[in-house]
Amino acid sequence: MYRYWGAIPNLAITQAEEYYSKSVIVPDLIASLEDIINNPYNYFEAAKTVKMKDDWAQDLITNKASKLLSEMNAFIADRENALT
């Protein structure tokens, strides 16, 4: 979805946090993205297992994961700045 729709709207993150908890949504997403970035081989193997197109896997694992991680870190920084 991220590949086609782009950044996750802040409202969507806020609503998910209200429903599930702030301690779950963004921290778990960040941990998952860091795992993808730090262990790409595992994700390339999983992509092969589910027969994902090679160019999609390459883009998601090597490009989109780090881009989304940057966006999530910026979201956290913006929220912290708004509190001060």
Protein backbone atom coordinates (compact mmCIF):
# COMPACT_ATOMS: atom_id res chain seq x y z
CA MET A 1 0.00 0.00 0.00
CA TYR A 2 2.79 2.40 0.91
CA ARG A 3 4.33 1.91 -2.52
CA TYR A 4 1.23 3.31 -4.21
CA TRP A 5 -0.38 5.59 -1.62
CA GLY A 6 2.72 7.11 -0.04
CA ALA A 7 3.05 8.45 3.48
CA ILE A 8 0.69 7.32 6.20
CA PRO A 9 -1.59 10.25 7.07
CA ASN A 10 -0.98 11.62 10.57
CA LEU A 11 -4.69 11.32 11.31
CA ALA A 12 -4.58 7.59 10.53
CA ILE A 13 -1.66 7.12 12.93
CA THR A 14 -3.40 9.14 15.65
CA GLN A 15 -6.64 7.20 15.28
CA ALA A 16 -4.82 3.85 15.37
CA GLU A 17 -2.97 4.97 18.51
CA GLU A 18 -6.24 6.01 20.16
CA TYR A 19 -7.69 2.58 19.45
CA TYR A 20 -4.66 0.34 20.06
CA SER A 21 -2.34 2.51 22.21
CA LYS A 22 0.55 4.87 21.57
CA SER A 23 2.91 2.28 23.00
CA VAL A 24 2.15 -0.12 20.16
CA ILE A 25 1.56 1.46 16.75
CA VAL A 26 4.59 3.60 15.91
CA PRO A 27 7.16 1.79 18.10
CA ASP A 28 6.24 -1.59 16.61
CA LEU A 29 6.28 -0.20 13.07
CA ILE A 30 9.72 1.33 13.70
CA ALA A 31 11.02 -1.95 15.13
CA SER A 32 9.70 -3.83 12.09
CA LEU A 33 11.24 -1.39 9.64
CA GLU A 34 14.58 -1.56 11.45
CA ASP A 35 14.44 -5.34 11.22
CA ILE A 36 13.84 -5.17 7.47
CA ILE A 37 16.76 -2.75 7.05
CA ASN A 38 19.09 -4.78 9.27
CA ASN A 39 18.13 -8.21 7.89
CA PRO A 40 17.25 -7.74 4.22
CA TYR A 41 18.29 -11.28 3.28
CA ASN A 42 15.47 -12.72 5.42
CA TYR A 43 12.93 -10.51 3.70
CA PHE A 44 14.23 -11.26 0.21
CA GLU A 45 13.88 -14.96 1.03
CA ALA A 46 10.34 -14.42 2.31
CA ALA A 47 9.50 -12.43 -0.82
CA LYS A 48 10.69 -15.35 -2.96
CA THR A 49 8.61 -17.77 -0.89
CA VAL A 50 5.43 -15.81 -1.54
CA LYS A 51 6.45 -15.26 -5.18
CA MET A 52 6.59 -11.48 -4.91
CA LYS A 53 7.86 -9.78 -8.05
CA ASP A 54 11.61 -9.22 -7.74
CA ASP A 55 11.41 -5.51 -8.54
CA TRP A 56 8.72 -5.01 -5.91
CA ALA A 57 10.75 -6.82 -3.26
CA GLN A 58 13.86 -4.87 -4.19
CA ASP A 59 12.03 -1.55 -3.95
CA LEU A 60 10.18 -2.33 -0.73
CA ILE A 61 13.14 -3.84 1.11
CA THR A 62 15.93 -1.56 -0.06
CA ASN A 63 14.10 1.74 -0.60
CA LYS A 64 10.67 2.00 0.94
CA ALA A 65 11.55 0.56 4.36
CA SER A 66 14.18 3.23 5.01
CA LYS A 67 11.95 5.98 3.59
CA LEU A 68 9.04 4.99 5.82
CA LEU A 69 11.37 4.72 8.82
CA SER A 70 12.52 8.30 8.19
CA GLU A 71 8.90 9.44 7.97
CA MET A 72 8.00 7.71 11.23
CA ASN A 73 11.00 9.23 13.01
CA ALA A 74 9.97 12.65 11.69
CA PHE A 75 6.41 12.02 12.92
CA ILE A 76 7.73 11.30 16.42
CA ALA A 77 10.01 14.35 16.36
CA ASP A 78 7.18 16.61 15.20
CA ARG A 79 4.90 15.30 17.94
CA GLU A 80 7.57 15.80 20.60
CA ASN A 81 8.23 19.34 19.35
CA ALA A 82 4.52 20.10 19.52
CA LEU A 83 4.52 19.12 23.21
CA THR A 84 7.25 21.61 24.09
